Amino acid sequence: MLNRRSFVVSAATGVGTTILSSGIAQAAPEPTMSLNVLYPNHDGARFDTSYYRASHIPLAMKVMNAASVMLIEGVANGSTPAPYAMIAHFQFESAEALKTALANPAMADVRTDVPKFTDIKPTVMIGKSL
């Protein structure tokens, strides 16, 4: 286990490094890019999770050629509804791969498919995993 002193020394001497649990420092991996699609929840929102998982996500993955996707379905916290009905986190190997995906003319088919599963206007955020 890495003790506090070793962590501070490693952090001070290793800008741009990642500290592993064994205490061995290694170069940080290249950041990956992500396309994050957030569907804000609201009273009366319609979101067909079955269609989304069975049809929309396979279409989006095919068109964008993303490395992976993680789906996060919102869950109520007691009596408080989830702030988002769904979040899709698409990962890409590089900024160029994301740029190519977004420039694909077939992205129009992905956008046209949205009303088939929801009436929520999604928020889209491009991100970088460090």
C-alpha atoms as a PDB file:
ATOM      1  CA  MET A   1       0.000   0.000   0.000  1.00  0.00           C
ATOM      2  CA  LEU A   2       1.260   3.481  -0.806  1.00  0.00           C
ATOM      3  CA  ASN A   3       1.829   5.569   2.307  1.00  0.00           C
ATOM      4  CA  ARG A   4       1.109   9.292   2.490  1.00  0.00           C
ATOM      5  CA  ARG A   5       4.783  10.344   2.405  1.00  0.00           C
ATOM      6  CA  SER A   6       5.506   8.234  -0.701  1.00  0.00           C
ATOM      7  CA  PHE A   7       2.434   9.672  -2.401  1.00  0.00           C
ATOM      8  CA  VAL A   8       3.463  13.285  -1.681  1.00  0.00           C
ATOM      9  CA  VAL A   9       7.042  12.675  -2.868  1.00  0.00           C
ATOM     10  CA  SER A  10       5.821  10.906  -6.007  1.00  0.00           C
ATOM     11  CA  ALA A  11       3.258  13.620  -6.727  1.00  0.00           C
ATOM     12  CA  ALA A  12       5.852  16.356  -6.310  1.00  0.00           C
ATOM     13  CA  THR A  13       8.382  14.681  -8.612  1.00  0.00           C
ATOM     14  CA  GLY A  14       6.053  13.112 -11.149  1.00  0.00           C
ATOM     15  CA  VAL A  15       3.922  15.688 -12.893  1.00  0.00           C
ATOM     16  CA  GLY A  16       2.108  13.829 -15.671  1.00  0.00           C
ATOM     17  CA  THR A  17       2.451  10.485 -13.959  1.00  0.00           C
ATOM     18  CA  THR A  18      -0.075   8.148 -12.418  1.00  0.00           C
ATOM     19  CA  ILE A  19       0.614   6.528  -9.070  1.00  0.00           C
ATOM     20  CA  LEU A  20      -0.340   2.850  -8.991  1.00  0.00           C
ATOM     21  CA  SER A  21      -1.402   1.116  -5.802  1.00  0.00           C
ATOM     22  CA  SER A  22       1.999  -0.608  -5.677  1.00  0.00           C
ATOM     23  CA  GLY A  23       3.718   2.776  -5.516  1.00  0.00           C
ATOM     24  CA  ILE A  24       5.279   2.440  -8.976  1.00  0.00           C
ATOM     25  CA  ALA A  25       4.891   5.523 -11.154  1.00  0.00           C
ATOM     26  CA  GLN A  26       4.194   5.202 -14.849  1.00  0.00           C
ATOM     27  CA  ALA A  27       3.411   7.635 -17.645  1.00  0.00           C
ATOM     28  CA  ALA A  28      -0.228   8.628 -17.823  1.00  0.00           C
ATOM     29  CA  PRO A  29      -2.044   7.097 -20.811  1.00  0.00           C
ATOM     30  CA  GLU A  30      -3.115   9.280 -23.695  1.00  0.00           C
ATOM     31  CA  PRO A  31      -6.511  10.809 -22.957  1.00  0.00           C
ATOM     32  CA  THR A  32      -9.483   9.308 -24.724  1.00  0.00           C
ATOM     33  CA  MET A  33     -12.330  11.420 -26.054  1.00  0.00           C
ATOM     34  CA  SER A  34     -15.981  10.969 -25.222  1.00  0.00           C
ATOM     35  CA  LEU A  35     -19.353  12.020 -26.507  1.00  0.00           C
ATOM     36  CA  ASN A  36     -21.784  12.248 -23.605  1.00  0.00           C
ATOM     37  CA  VAL A  37     -25.509  12.448 -24.300  1.00  0.00           C
ATOM     38  CA  LEU A  38     -27.594  13.422 -21.279  1.00  0.00           C
ATOM     39  CA  TYR A  39     -31.376  13.200 -21.238  1.00  0.00           C
ATOM     40  CA  PRO A  40     -32.630  15.572 -18.491  1.00  0.00           C
ATOM     41  CA  ASN A  41     -35.597  14.130 -16.629  1.00  0.00           C
ATOM     42  CA  HIS A  42     -38.807  16.134 -16.192  1.00  0.00           C
ATOM     43  CA  ASP A  43     -42.386  15.465 -15.151  1.00  0.00           C
ATOM     44  CA  GLY A  44     -44.167  13.506 -17.855  1.00  0.00           C
ATOM     45  CA  ALA A  45     -40.964  12.741 -19.794  1.00  0.00           C
ATOM     46  CA  ARG A  46     -41.187   9.795 -22.175  1.00  0.00           C
ATOM     47  CA  PHE A  47     -38.145   7.529 -22.469  1.00  0.00           C
ATOM     48  CA  ASP A  48     -38.421   4.010 -23.903  1.00  0.00           C
ATOM     49  CA  THR A  49     -35.379   2.265 -22.424  1.00  0.00           C
ATOM     50  CA  SER A  50     -36.075  -1.013 -24.255  1.00  0.00           C
ATOM     51  CA  TYR A  51     -36.082   0.633 -27.689  1.00  0.00           C
ATOM     52  CA  TYR A  52     -33.083   2.756 -26.742  1.00  0.00           C
ATOM     53  CA  ARG A  53     -30.976  -0.269 -25.775  1.00  0.00           C
ATOM     54  CA  ALA A  54     -32.194  -2.631 -28.519  1.00  0.00           C
ATOM     55  CA  SER A  55     -32.298  -0.248 -31.501  1.00  0.00           C
ATOM     56  CA  HIS A  56     -30.897   3.227 -30.949  1.00  0.00           C
ATOM     57  CA  ILE A  57     -27.612   2.342 -29.269  1.00  0.00           C
ATOM     58  CA  PRO A  58     -26.664  -0.335 -31.852  1.00  0.00           C
ATOM     59  CA  LEU A  59     -27.409   2.223 -34.613  1.00  0.00           C
ATOM     60  CA  ALA A  60     -25.321   4.910 -32.893  1.00  0.00           C
ATOM     61  CA  MET A  61     -22.426   2.499 -32.298  1.00  0.00           C
ATOM     62  CA  LYS A  62     -22.475   1.383 -35.936  1.00  0.00           C
ATOM     63  CA  VAL A  63     -22.558   4.926 -37.302  1.00  0.00           C
ATOM     64  CA  MET A  64     -20.004   6.419 -34.909  1.00  0.00           C
ATOM     65  CA  ASN A  65     -17.704   3.397 -34.637  1.00  0.00           C
ATOM     66  CA  ALA A  66     -17.156   4.239 -30.964  1.00  0.00           C
ATOM     67  CA  ALA A  67     -14.732   2.105 -28.967  1.00  0.00           C
ATOM     68  CA  SER A  68     -17.357   1.564 -26.255  1.00  0.00           C
ATOM     69  CA  VAL A  69     -20.496   2.948 -24.669  1.00  0.00           C
ATOM     70  CA  MET A  70     -21.637   3.038 -21.064  1.00  0.00           C
ATOM     71  CA  LEU A  71     -25.326   3.601 -20.371  1.00  0.00           C
ATOM     72  CA  ILE A  72     -26.380   5.075 -17.045  1.00  0.00           C
ATOM     73  CA  GLU A  73     -30.093   4.971 -16.298  1.00  0.00           C
ATOM     74  CA  GLY A  74     -31.305   7.490 -13.717  1.00  0.00           C
ATOM     75  CA  VAL A  75     -32.836   6.049 -10.558  1.00  0.00           C
ATOM     76  CA  ALA A  76     -34.961   7.941  -8.051  1.00  0.00           C
ATOM     77  CA  ASN A  77     -33.359   8.660  -4.697  1.00  0.00           C
ATOM     78  CA  GLY A  78     -36.239   7.980  -2.362  1.00  0.00           C
ATOM     79  CA  SER A  79     -38.949  10.462  -3.303  1.00  0.00           C
ATOM     80  CA  THR A  80     -36.570  12.590  -5.390  1.00  0.00           C
ATOM     81  CA  PRO A  81     -36.703  11.755  -9.101  1.00  0.00           C
ATOM     82  CA  ALA A  82     -33.451  11.198 -10.966  1.00  0.00           C
ATOM     83  CA  PRO A  83     -32.127  14.393 -12.576  1.00  0.00           C
ATOM     84  CA  TYR A  84     -31.444  12.466 -15.803  1.00  0.00           C
ATOM     85  CA  ALA A  85     -33.515   9.731 -17.415  1.00  0.00           C
ATOM     86  CA  MET A  86     -30.406   8.376 -19.166  1.00  0.00           C
ATOM     87  CA  ILE A  87     -26.773   9.235 -19.846  1.00  0.00           C
ATOM     88  CA  ALA A  88     -24.856   7.640 -22.707  1.00  0.00           C
ATOM     89  CA  HIS A  89     -21.070   7.863 -22.468  1.00  0.00           C
ATOM     90  CA  PHE A  90     -19.480   6.969 -25.838  1.00  0.00           C
ATOM     91  CA  GLN A  91     -15.678   6.506 -25.747  1.00  0.00           C
ATOM     92  CA  PHE A  92     -13.376   7.155 -28.713  1.00  0.00           C
ATOM     93  CA  GLU A  93      -9.703   6.280 -29.068  1.00  0.00           C
ATOM     94  CA  SER A  94      -8.738   9.795 -30.150  1.00  0.00           C
ATOM     95  CA  ALA A  95      -9.981  13.264 -30.983  1.00  0.00           C
ATOM     96  CA  GLU A  96      -9.683  12.339 -34.659  1.00  0.00           C
ATOM     97  CA  ALA A  97     -11.929   9.284 -34.203  1.00  0.00           C
ATOM     98  CA  LEU A  98     -14.562  11.458 -32.516  1.00  0.00           C
ATOM     99  CA  LYS A  99     -14.285  14.107 -35.237  1.00  0.00           C
ATOM    100  CA  THR A 100     -14.735  11.435 -37.920  1.00  0.00           C
ATOM    101  CA  ALA A 101     -17.767  10.032 -36.106  1.00  0.00           C
ATOM    102  CA  LEU A 102     -19.484  13.403 -35.837  1.00  0.00           C
ATOM    103  CA  ALA A 103     -18.784  14.184 -39.506  1.00  0.00           C
ATOM    104  CA  ASN A 104     -20.375  10.936 -40.709  1.00  0.00           C
ATOM    105  CA  PRO A 105     -23.438  11.835 -42.850  1.00  0.00           C
ATOM    106  CA  ALA A 106     -25.270   8.870 -41.279  1.00  0.00           C
ATOM    107  CA  MET A 107     -25.399  10.842 -38.005  1.00  0.00           C
ATOM    108  CA  ALA A 108     -28.591  12.305 -39.509  1.00  0.00           C
ATOM    109  CA  ASP A 109     -30.146   8.813 -39.161  1.00  0.00           C
ATOM    110  CA  VAL A 110     -29.138   8.718 -35.486  1.00  0.00           C
ATOM    111  CA  ARG A 111     -30.748  12.112 -34.841  1.00  0.00           C
ATOM    112  CA  THR A 112     -33.898  11.120 -36.782  1.00  0.00           C
ATOM    113  CA  ASP A 113     -34.245   8.042 -34.545  1.00  0.00           C
ATOM    114  CA  VAL A 114     -34.440  10.034 -31.271  1.00  0.00           C
ATOM    115  CA  PRO A 115     -38.210  10.795 -31.358  1.00  0.00           C
ATOM    116  CA  LYS A 116     -38.857   7.035 -31.555  1.00  0.00           C
ATOM    117  CA  PHE A 117     -37.786   6.602 -27.911  1.00  0.00           C
ATOM    118  CA  THR A 118     -38.032   9.988 -26.184  1.00  0.00           C
ATOM    119  CA  ASP A 119     -39.528  13.454 -26.148  1.00  0.00           C
ATOM    120  CA  ILE A 120     -36.573  14.774 -24.121  1.00  0.00           C
ATOM    121  CA  LYS A 121     -34.200  17.233 -25.821  1.00  0.00           C
ATOM    122  CA  PRO A 122     -30.770  15.822 -24.983  1.00  0.00           C
ATOM    123  CA  THR A 123     -27.765  17.803 -23.828  1.00  0.00           C
ATOM    124  CA  VAL A 124     -24.540  16.787 -25.586  1.00  0.00           C
ATOM    125  CA  MET A 125     -21.091  17.263 -24.080  1.00  0.00           C
ATOM    126  CA  ILE A 126     -17.751  16.357 -25.609  1.00  0.00           C
ATOM    127  CA  GLY A 127     -15.234  15.294 -23.004  1.00  0.00           C
ATOM    128  CA  LYS A 128     -11.724  14.056 -22.438  1.00  0.00           C
ATOM    129  CA  SER A 129     -10.853  11.241 -20.037  1.00  0.00           C
ATOM    130  CA  LEU A 130      -7.609  11.889 -18.242  1.00  0.00           C
END
